[in-house]
PDB file of all heavy atoms in Angstrom:
ATOM      1  N   ALA A   1     160.450 170.940 101.528  1.00  0.00           N
ATOM      2  CA  ALA A   1     160.392 171.177 102.996  1.00  0.00           C
ATOM      3  C   ALA A   1     159.846 172.474 103.233  1.00  0.00           C
ATOM      4  O   ALA A   1     159.012 172.594 104.258  1.00  0.00           O
ATOM      5  CB  ALA A   1     161.803 171.171 103.430  1.00  0.00           C
ATOM      6  N   VAL A   2     160.143 173.497 102.445  1.00  0.00           N
ATOM      7  CA  VAL A   2     159.589 174.862 102.594  1.00  0.00           C
ATOM      8  C   VAL A   2     158.096 174.887 102.407  1.00  0.00           C
ATOM      9  O   VAL A   2     157.337 175.499 103.107  1.00  0.00           O
ATOM     10  CB  VAL A   2     160.299 175.845 101.699  1.00  0.00           C
ATOM     11  CG1 VAL A   2     159.664 177.286 101.701  1.00  0.00           C
ATOM     12  CG2 VAL A   2     161.763 176.030 102.139  1.00  0.00           C
ATOM     13  N   ARG A   3     157.583 174.223 101.282  1.00  0.00           N
ATOM     14  CA  ARG A   3     156.261 174.211 101.013  1.00  0.00           C
ATOM     15  C   ARG A   3     155.424 173.478 102.146  1.00  0.00           C
ATOM     16  O   ARG A   3     154.336 173.893 102.497  1.00  0.00           O
ATOM     17  CB  ARG A   3     156.015 173.603  99.618  1.00  0.00           C
ATOM     18  CG  ARG A   3     156.536 174.403  98.449  1.00  0.00           C
ATOM     19  CD  ARG A   3     156.254 173.720  97.152  1.00  0.00           C
ATOM     20  NE  ARG A   3     154.817 173.581  96.873  1.00  0.00           N
ATOM     21  CZ  ARG A   3     154.396 173.099  95.696  1.00  0.00           C
ATOM     22  NH1 ARG A   3     155.215 172.862  94.698  1.00  0.00           N
ATOM     23  NH2 ARG A   3     153.119 173.033  95.506  1.00  0.00           N
ATOM     24  N   GLY A   4     156.074 172.440 102.652  1.00  0.00           N
ATOM     25  CA  GLY A   4     155.473 171.726 103.752  1.00  0.00           C
ATOM     26  C   GLY A   4     155.399 172.621 104.953  1.00  0.00           C
ATOM     27  O   GLY A   4     154.345 172.610 105.641  1.00  0.00           O
ATOM     28  N   LEU A   5     156.366 173.435 105.281  1.00  0.00           N
ATOM     29  CA  LEU A   5     156.414 174.348 106.325  1.00  0.00           C
ATOM     30  C   LEU A   5     155.136 175.294 106.148  1.00  0.00           C
ATOM     31  O   LEU A   5     154.432 175.560 107.127  1.00  0.00           O
ATOM     32  CB  LEU A   5     157.650 175.098 106.463  1.00  0.00           C
ATOM     33  CG  LEU A   5     157.732 176.269 107.424  1.00  0.00           C
ATOM     34  CD1 LEU A   5     157.505 175.887 108.836  1.00  0.00           C
ATOM     35  CD2 LEU A   5     158.981 177.109 107.188  1.00  0.00           C
ATOM     36  N   HIS A   6     155.036 175.946 105.028  1.00  0.00           N
ATOM     37  CA  HIS A   6     154.010 177.021 104.810  1.00  0.00           C
ATOM     38  C   HIS A   6     152.637 176.415 104.907  1.00  0.00           C
ATOM     39  O   HIS A   6     151.584 176.928 105.350  1.00  0.00           O
ATOM     40  CB  HIS A   6     154.265 177.759 103.567  1.00  0.00           C
ATOM     41  CG  HIS A   6     155.368 178.816 103.697  1.00  0.00           C
ATOM     42  ND1 HIS A   6     155.167 180.045 104.233  1.00  0.00           N
ATOM     43  CD2 HIS A   6     156.691 178.652 103.395  1.00  0.00           C
ATOM     44  CE1 HIS A   6     156.334 180.668 104.155  1.00  0.00           C
ATOM     45  NE2 HIS A   6     157.250 179.974 103.704  1.00  0.00           N
ATOM     46  N   ARG A   7     152.444 175.171 104.325  1.00  0.00           N
ATOM     47  CA  ARG A   7     151.191 174.400 104.340  1.00  0.00           C
ATOM     48  C   ARG A   7     150.815 174.193 105.721  1.00  0.00           C
ATOM     49  O   ARG A   7     149.619 174.368 106.169  1.00  0.00           O
ATOM     50  CB  ARG A   7     151.318 173.256 103.473  1.00  0.00           C
ATOM     51  CG  ARG A   7     149.953 172.465 103.274  1.00  0.00           C
ATOM     52  CD  ARG A   7     150.049 171.466 102.116  1.00  0.00           C
ATOM     53  NE  ARG A   7     151.076 170.463 102.363  1.00  0.00           N
ATOM     54  CZ  ARG A   7     152.165 170.401 101.665  1.00  0.00           C
ATOM     55  NH1 ARG A   7     152.308 171.259 100.635  1.00  0.00           N
ATOM     56  NH2 ARG A   7     153.068 169.563 101.893  1.00  0.00           N
ATOM     57  N   PHE A   8     151.732 173.703 106.552  1.00  0.00           N
ATOM     58  CA  PHE A   8     151.496 173.328 107.969  1.00  0.00           C
ATOM     59  C   PHE A   8     151.044 174.669 108.715  1.00  0.00           C
ATOM     60  O   PHE A   8     150.188 174.617 109.600  1.00  0.00           O
ATOM     61  CB  PHE A   8     152.730 172.695 108.588  1.00  0.00           C
ATOM     62  CG  PHE A   8     152.683 172.742 110.045  1.00  0.00           C
ATOM     63  CD1 PHE A   8     151.964 171.757 110.717  1.00  0.00           C
ATOM     64  CD2 PHE A   8     153.529 173.694 110.804  1.00  0.00           C
ATOM     65  CE1 PHE A   8     152.029 171.824 112.187  1.00  0.00           C
ATOM     66  CE2 PHE A   8     153.537 173.728 112.196  1.00  0.00           C
ATOM     67  CZ  PHE A   8     152.726 172.708 112.889  1.00  0.00           C
ATOM     68  N   ALA A   9     151.824 175.705 108.464  1.00  0.00           N
ATOM     69  CA  ALA A   9     151.636 177.011 109.124  1.00  0.00           C
ATOM     70  C   ALA A   9     150.255 177.575 108.913  1.00  0.00           C
ATOM     71  O   ALA A   9     149.503 178.053 109.900  1.00  0.00           O
ATOM     72  CB  ALA A   9     152.627 178.066 108.750  1.00  0.00           C
ATOM     73  N   VAL A  10     149.662 177.320 107.740  1.00  0.00           N
ATOM     74  CA  VAL A  10     148.285 177.759 107.449  1.00  0.00           C
ATOM     75  C   VAL A  10     147.340 176.850 108.184  1.00  0.00           C
ATOM     76  O   VAL A  10     146.331 177.322 108.773  1.00  0.00           O
ATOM     77  CB  VAL A  10     147.991 177.701 105.877  1.00  0.00           C
ATOM     78  CG1 VAL A  10     146.569 177.962 105.640  1.00  0.00           C
ATOM     79  CG2 VAL A  10     148.818 178.815 105.212  1.00  0.00           C
ATOM     80  N   HIS A  11     147.465 175.568 108.084  1.00  0.00           N
ATOM     81  CA  HIS A  11     146.617 174.556 108.622  1.00  0.00           C
ATOM     82  C   HIS A  11     146.543 174.733 110.181  1.00  0.00           C
ATOM     83  O   HIS A  11     145.451 174.428 110.777  1.00  0.00           O
ATOM     84  CB  HIS A  11     147.131 173.180 108.318  1.00  0.00           C
ATOM     85  CG  HIS A  11     146.196 172.090 108.885  1.00  0.00           C
ATOM     86  ND1 HIS A  11     146.413 171.474 110.097  1.00  0.00           N
ATOM     87  CD2 HIS A  11     145.046 171.492 108.322  1.00  0.00           C
ATOM     88  CE1 HIS A  11     145.489 170.593 110.348  1.00  0.00           C
ATOM     89  NE2 HIS A  11     144.681 170.509 109.284  1.00  0.00           N
ATOM     90  N   ASP A  12     147.686 175.114 110.800  1.00  0.00           N
ATOM     91  CA  ASP A  12     147.771 175.221 112.217  1.00  0.00           C
ATOM     92  C   ASP A  12     147.403 176.605 112.695  1.00  0.00           C
ATOM     93  O   ASP A  12     147.531 176.935 113.937  1.00  0.00           O
ATOM     94  CB  ASP A  12     149.136 174.928 112.716  1.00  0.00           C
ATOM     95  CG  ASP A  12     149.151 173.971 113.924  1.00  0.00           C
ATOM     96  OD1 ASP A  12     148.298 172.985 113.875  1.00  0.00           O
ATOM     97  OD2 ASP A  12     149.972 174.143 114.844  1.00  0.00           O
ATOM     98  N   GLY A  13     146.961 177.509 111.774  1.00  0.00           N
ATOM     99  CA  GLY A  13     146.554 178.836 112.174  1.00  0.00           C
ATOM    100  C   GLY A  13     147.751 179.794 112.487  1.00  0.00           C
ATOM    101  O   GLY A  13     147.406 180.806 113.101  1.00  0.00           O
ATOM    102  N   LEU A  14     148.958 179.554 112.144  1.00  0.00           N
ATOM    103  CA  LEU A  14     150.053 180.419 112.405  1.00  0.00           C
ATOM    104  C   LEU A  14     150.130 181.602 111.489  1.00  0.00           C
ATOM    105  O   LEU A  14     150.541 182.648 111.844  1.00  0.00           O
ATOM    106  CB  LEU A  14     151.391 179.618 112.311  1.00  0.00           C
ATOM    107  CG  LEU A  14     151.426 178.382 113.344  1.00  0.00           C
ATOM    108  CD1 LEU A  14     152.760 177.718 113.215  1.00  0.00           C
ATOM    109  CD2 LEU A  14     151.358 178.911 114.788  1.00  0.00           C
ATOM    110  N   VAL A  15     149.692 181.338 110.202  1.00  0.00           N
ATOM    111  CA  VAL A  15     149.611 182.441 109.150  1.00  0.00           C
ATOM    112  C   VAL A  15     148.323 182.295 108.499  1.00  0.00           C
ATOM    113  O   VAL A  15     147.681 181.116 108.494  1.00  0.00           O
ATOM    114  CB  VAL A  15     150.840 182.279 108.188  1.00  0.00           C
ATOM    115  CG1 VAL A  15     152.122 182.530 108.948  1.00  0.00           C
ATOM    116  CG2 VAL A  15     150.873 180.960 107.496  1.00  0.00           C
ATOM    117  N   GLY A  16     147.959 183.260 107.714  1.00  0.00           N
ATOM    118  CA  GLY A  16     146.653 183.192 107.027  1.00  0.00           C
ATOM    119  C   GLY A  16     146.737 182.754 105.539  1.00  0.00           C
ATOM    120  O   GLY A  16     145.725 182.569 104.943  1.00  0.00           O
ATOM    121  N   GLU A  17     147.968 182.804 104.949  1.00  0.00           N
ATOM    122  CA  GLU A  17     148.138 182.501 103.576  1.00  0.00           C
ATOM    123  C   GLU A  17     149.300 181.526 103.226  1.00  0.00           C
ATOM    124  O   GLU A  17     150.310 181.717 103.916  1.00  0.00           O
ATOM    125  CB  GLU A  17     148.250 183.823 102.747  1.00  0.00           C
ATOM    126  CG  GLU A  17     148.406 183.744 101.251  1.00  0.00           C
ATOM    127  CD  GLU A  17     148.700 184.963 100.585  1.00  0.00           C
ATOM    128  OE1 GLU A  17     148.718 186.040 101.292  1.00  0.00           O
ATOM    129  OE2 GLU A  17     148.795 184.960  99.303  1.00  0.00           O
ATOM    130  N   ASP A  18     149.058 180.644 102.309  1.00  0.00           N
ATOM    131  CA  ASP A  18     150.167 179.763 101.907  1.00  0.00           C
ATOM    132  C   ASP A  18     150.876 180.399 100.777  1.00  0.00           C
ATOM    133  O   ASP A  18     150.488 180.225  99.639  1.00  0.00           O
ATOM    134  CB  ASP A  18     149.641 178.450 101.546  1.00  0.00           C
ATOM    135  CG  ASP A  18     150.751 177.386 101.176  1.00  0.00           C
ATOM    136  OD1 ASP A  18     151.878 177.754 101.108  1.00  0.00           O
ATOM    137  OD2 ASP A  18     150.432 176.252 100.904  1.00  0.00           O
ATOM    138  N   VAL A  19     151.930 181.099 101.055  1.00  0.00           N
ATOM    139  CA  VAL A  19     152.616 181.904  99.935  1.00  0.00           C
ATOM    140  C   VAL A  19     153.527 181.006  99.126  1.00  0.00           C
ATOM    141  O   VAL A  19     154.135 181.450  98.069  1.00  0.00           O
ATOM    142  CB  VAL A  19     153.420 183.071 100.569  1.00  0.00           C
ATOM    143  CG1 VAL A  19     152.518 184.074 101.213  1.00  0.00           C
ATOM    144  CG2 VAL A  19     154.554 182.544 101.517  1.00  0.00           C
ATOM    145  N   ALA A  20     153.822 179.754  99.606  1.00  0.00           N
ATOM    146  CA  ALA A  20     154.749 178.899  98.877  1.00  0.00           C
ATOM    147  C   ALA A  20     153.981 177.985  97.805  1.00  0.00           C
ATOM    148  O   ALA A  20     154.599 177.286  97.095  1.00  0.00           O
ATOM    149  CB  ALA A  20     155.580 178.035  99.843  1.00  0.00           C
ATOM    150  N   ARG A  21     152.665 178.020  97.903  1.00  0.00           N
ATOM    151  CA  ARG A  21     151.855 177.033  97.225  1.00  0.00           C
ATOM    152  C   ARG A  21     152.124 177.118  95.708  1.00  0.00           C
ATOM    153  O   ARG A  21     152.222 176.082  94.895  1.00  0.00           O
ATOM    154  CB  ARG A  21     150.441 177.183  97.354  1.00  0.00           C
ATOM    155  CG  ARG A  21     149.490 176.152  96.779  1.00  0.00           C
ATOM    156  CD  ARG A  21     148.058 176.401  97.170  1.00  0.00           C
ATOM    157  NE  ARG A  21     147.568 177.761  96.852  1.00  0.00           N
ATOM    158  CZ  ARG A  21     146.396 178.151  97.196  1.00  0.00           C
ATOM    159  NH1 ARG A  21     145.525 177.306  97.774  1.00  0.00           N
ATOM    160  NH2 ARG A  21     145.940 179.379  96.921  1.00  0.00           N
ATOM    161  N   GLY A  22     152.324 178.383  95.146  1.00  0.00           N
ATOM    162  CA  GLY A  22     152.543 178.502  93.736  1.00  0.00           C
ATOM    163  C   GLY A  22     153.922 178.454  93.175  1.00  0.00           C
ATOM    164  O   GLY A  22     154.222 178.582  92.018  1.00  0.00           O
ATOM    165  N   VAL A  23     154.872 178.248  94.145  1.00  0.00           N
ATOM    166  CA  VAL A  23     156.327 178.111  93.725  1.00  0.00           C
ATOM    167  C   VAL A  23     156.581 176.720  93.268  1.00  0.00           C
ATOM    168  O   VAL A  23     156.365 175.774  94.002  1.00  0.00           O
ATOM    169  CB  VAL A  23     157.168 178.570  94.874  1.00  0.00           C
ATOM    170  CG1 VAL A  23     158.670 178.543  94.439  1.00  0.00           C
ATOM    171  CG2 VAL A  23     156.889 179.927  95.459  1.00  0.00           C
ATOM    172  N   THR A  24     157.128 176.528  92.083  1.00  0.00           N
ATOM    173  CA  THR A  24     157.379 175.210  91.538  1.00  0.00           C
ATOM    174  C   THR A  24     158.952 174.886  91.700  1.00  0.00           C
ATOM    175  O   THR A  24     159.688 175.676  91.584  1.00  0.00           O
ATOM    176  CB  THR A  24     157.018 175.126  90.009  1.00  0.00           C
ATOM    177  OG1 THR A  24     157.696 176.167  89.328  1.00  0.00           O
ATOM    178  CG2 THR A  24     155.503 175.324  89.884  1.00  0.00           C
ATOM    179  N   PRO A  25     159.236 173.584  91.805  1.00  0.00           N
ATOM    180  CA  PRO A  25     160.602 173.155  92.059  1.00  0.00           C
ATOM    181  C   PRO A  25     161.299 173.297  90.617  1.00  0.00           C
ATOM    182  O   PRO A  25     160.661 173.323  89.540  1.00  0.00           O
ATOM    183  CB  PRO A  25     160.408 171.666  92.391  1.00  0.00           C
ATOM    184  CG  PRO A  25     159.072 171.270  91.876  1.00  0.00           C
ATOM    185  CD  PRO A  25     158.238 172.446  91.874  1.00  0.00           C
ATOM    186  N   PRO A  26     162.652 173.380  90.619  1.00  0.00           N
ATOM    187  CA  PRO A  26     163.293 173.444  89.335  1.00  0.00           C
ATOM    188  C   PRO A  26     163.255 172.170  88.662  1.00  0.00           C
ATOM    189  O   PRO A  26     163.038 171.080  89.207  1.00  0.00           O
ATOM    190  CB  PRO A  26     164.768 173.653  89.890  1.00  0.00           C
ATOM    191  CG  PRO A  26     164.841 173.039  91.230  1.00  0.00           C
ATOM    192  CD  PRO A  26     163.540 173.381  91.880  1.00  0.00           C
ATOM    193  N   ALA A  27     163.208 172.368  87.198  1.00  0.00           N
ATOM    194  CA  ALA A  27     163.066 171.193  86.422  1.00  0.00           C
ATOM    195  C   ALA A  27     164.228 170.200  86.623  1.00  0.00           C
ATOM    196  O   ALA A  27     165.489 170.694  86.588  1.00  0.00           O
ATOM    197  CB  ALA A  27     162.930 171.646  85.054  1.00  0.00           C
ATOM    198  N   LEU A  28     163.943 168.899  86.720  1.00  0.00           N
ATOM    199  CA  LEU A  28     165.016 168.039  86.872  1.00  0.00           C
ATOM    200  C   LEU A  28     165.642 167.764  85.481  1.00  0.00           C
ATOM    201  O   LEU A  28     164.832 167.584  84.535  1.00  0.00           O
ATOM    202  CB  LEU A  28     164.520 166.719  87.516  1.00  0.00           C
ATOM    203  CG  LEU A  28     164.068 166.792  88.946  1.00  0.00           C
ATOM    204  CD1 LEU A  28     163.513 165.426  89.430  1.00  0.00           C
ATOM    205  CD2 LEU A  28     165.108 167.304  89.878  1.00  0.00           C
ATOM    206  N   PRO A  29     166.937 167.561  85.438  1.00  0.00           N
ATOM    207  CA  PRO A  29     167.452 167.368  84.171  1.00  0.00           C
ATOM    208  C   PRO A  29     167.020 166.016  83.588  1.00  0.00           C
ATOM    209  O   PRO A  29     166.954 164.984  84.325  1.00  0.00           O
ATOM    210  CB  PRO A  29     169.004 167.320  84.281  1.00  0.00           C
ATOM    211  CG  PRO A  29     169.116 167.010  85.763  1.00  0.00           C
ATOM    212  CD  PRO A  29     167.949 167.634  86.385  1.00  0.00           C
ATOM    213  N   LYS A  30     166.788 165.889  82.266  1.00  0.00           N
ATOM    214  CA  LYS A  30     166.388 164.666  81.666  1.00  0.00           C
ATOM    215  C   LYS A  30     167.565 163.740  81.420  1.00  0.00           C
ATOM    216  O   LYS A  30     168.623 164.176  80.990  1.00  0.00           O
ATOM    217  CB  LYS A  30     165.708 164.829  80.271  1.00  0.00           C
ATOM    218  CG  LYS A  30     164.393 165.670  80.367  1.00  0.00           C
ATOM    219  CD  LYS A  30     163.828 165.779  78.975  1.00  0.00           C
ATOM    220  CE  LYS A  30     162.471 166.539  78.928  1.00  0.00           C
ATOM    221  NZ  LYS A  30     161.913 166.687  77.662  1.00  0.00           N
ATOM    222  N   ARG A  31     167.430 162.475  81.939  1.00  0.00           N
ATOM    223  CA  ARG A  31     168.522 161.567  81.838  1.00  0.00           C
ATOM    224  C   ARG A  31     168.548 161.078  80.411  1.00  0.00           C
ATOM    225  O   ARG A  31     167.549 160.651  79.827  1.00  0.00           O
ATOM    226  CB  ARG A  31     168.327 160.329  82.875  1.00  0.00           C
ATOM    227  CG  ARG A  31     168.370 160.795  84.273  1.00  0.00           C
ATOM    228  CD  ARG A  31     168.309 159.566  85.124  1.00  0.00           C
ATOM    229  NE  ARG A  31     168.383 159.865  86.593  1.00  0.00           N
ATOM    230  CZ  ARG A  31     168.378 159.063  87.575  1.00  0.00           C
ATOM    231  NH1 ARG A  31     168.259 157.762  87.287  1.00  0.00           N
ATOM    232  NH2 ARG A  31     168.439 159.378  88.830  1.00  0.00           N
ATOM    233  N   LEU A  32     169.819 161.009  79.940  1.00  0.00           N
ATOM    234  CA  LEU A  32     169.930 160.634  78.559  1.00  0.00           C
ATOM    235  C   LEU A  32     169.740 159.111  78.504  1.00  0.00           C
ATOM    236  O   LEU A  32     170.349 158.372  79.322  1.00  0.00           O
ATOM    237  CB  LEU A  32     171.340 160.972  77.992  1.00  0.00           C
ATOM    238  CG  LEU A  32     171.630 162.408  77.921  1.00  0.00           C
ATOM    239  CD1 LEU A  32     173.022 162.601  77.389  1.00  0.00           C
ATOM    240  CD2 LEU A  32     170.608 163.167  76.957  1.00  0.00           C
ATOM    241  N   PRO A  33     169.008 158.542  77.552  1.00  0.00           N
ATOM    242  CA  PRO A  33     168.767 157.178  77.490  1.00  0.00           C
ATOM    243  C   PRO A  33     170.060 156.394  77.032  1.00  0.00           C
ATOM    244  O   PRO A  33     170.948 156.906  76.345  1.00  0.00           O
ATOM    245  CB  PRO A  33     167.639 157.028  76.348  1.00  0.00           C
ATOM    246  CG  PRO A  33     167.768 158.293  75.490  1.00  0.00           C
ATOM    247  CD  PRO A  33     168.350 159.296  76.521  1.00  0.00           C
ATOM    248  N   LYS A  34     170.226 155.310  77.623  1.00  0.00           N
ATOM    249  CA  LYS A  34     171.324 154.415  77.185  1.00  0.00           C
ATOM    250  C   LYS A  34     171.043 153.671  75.898  1.00  0.00           C
ATOM    251  O   LYS A  34     169.978 153.128  75.670  1.00  0.00           O
ATOM    252  CB  LYS A  34     171.546 153.343  78.283  1.00  0.00           C
ATOM    253  CG  LYS A  34     171.848 153.873  79.689  1.00  0.00           C
ATOM    254  CD  LYS A  34     173.240 154.443  79.737  1.00  0.00           C
ATOM    255  CE  LYS A  34     173.578 154.925  81.164  1.00  0.00           C
ATOM    256  NZ  LYS A  34     174.847 155.441  81.389  1.00  0.00           N
ATOM    257  N   ALA A  35     172.014 153.731  74.981  1.00  0.00           N
ATOM    258  CA  ALA A  35     171.781 153.156  73.697  1.00  0.00           C
ATOM    259  C   ALA A  35     173.020 152.205  73.428  1.00  0.00           C
ATOM    260  O   ALA A  35     174.241 152.512  73.819  1.00  0.00           O
ATOM    261  CB  ALA A  35     171.832 154.196  72.560  1.00  0.00           C
ATOM    262  N   LEU A  36     172.806 151.053  72.965  1.00  0.00           N
ATOM    263  CA  LEU A  36     173.833 150.031  72.574  1.00  0.00           C
ATOM    264  C   LEU A  36     174.356 150.490  71.264  1.00  0.00           C
ATOM    265  O   LEU A  36     173.759 151.201  70.495  1.00  0.00           O
ATOM    266  CB  LEU A  36     173.292 148.685  72.491  1.00  0.00           C
ATOM    267  CG  LEU A  36     172.529 148.127  73.678  1.00  0.00           C
ATOM    268  CD1 LEU A  36     171.986 146.731  73.312  1.00  0.00           C
ATOM    269  CD2 LEU A  36     173.465 148.010  74.889  1.00  0.00           C
ATOM    270  N   SER A  37     175.638 150.091  70.989  1.00  0.00           N
ATOM    271  CA  SER A  37     176.276 150.324  69.669  1.00  0.00           C
ATOM    272  C   SER A  37     175.571 149.341  68.732  1.00  0.00           C
ATOM    273  O   SER A  37     174.852 148.408  69.101  1.00  0.00           O
ATOM    274  CB  SER A  37     177.753 150.030  69.702  1.00  0.00           C
ATOM    275  OG  SER A  37     177.961 148.539  69.972  1.00  0.00           O
ATOM    276  N   ILE A  38     175.810 149.588  67.419  1.00  0.00           N
ATOM    277  CA  ILE A  38     175.244 148.668  66.400  1.00  0.00           C
ATOM    278  C   ILE A  38     175.709 147.276  66.629  1.00  0.00           C
ATOM    279  O   ILE A  38     174.966 146.221  66.495  1.00  0.00           O
ATOM    280  CB  ILE A  38     175.488 149.276  65.016  1.00  0.00           C
ATOM    281  CG1 ILE A  38     174.859 150.549  64.785  1.00  0.00           C
ATOM    282  CG2 ILE A  38     175.092 148.243  63.922  1.00  0.00           C
ATOM    283  CD1 ILE A  38     175.136 151.270  63.450  1.00  0.00           C
ATOM    284  N   ASP A  39     177.041 147.175  66.824  1.00  0.00           N
ATOM    285  CA  ASP A  39     177.566 145.745  67.089  1.00  0.00           C
ATOM    286  C   ASP A  39     176.913 145.080  68.304  1.00  0.00           C
ATOM    287  O   ASP A  39     176.675 143.851  68.279  1.00  0.00           O
ATOM    288  CB  ASP A  39     179.108 145.865  67.330  1.00  0.00           C
ATOM    289  CG  ASP A  39     179.817 146.205  66.013  1.00  0.00           C
ATOM    290  OD1 ASP A  39     179.230 146.005  64.917  1.00  0.00           O
ATOM    291  OD2 ASP A  39     181.026 146.664  66.144  1.00  0.00           O
TER     292      ASP A  39
END
């Protein structure tokens, strides 16, 4: 949402620089794969 705001602000001429462009989202935790028992 924040990156969308800053991108829009640049496109609409409200600000001159997209300062959020280089900020990356937090890494999502890897979901552990489901494994069946040997039986």
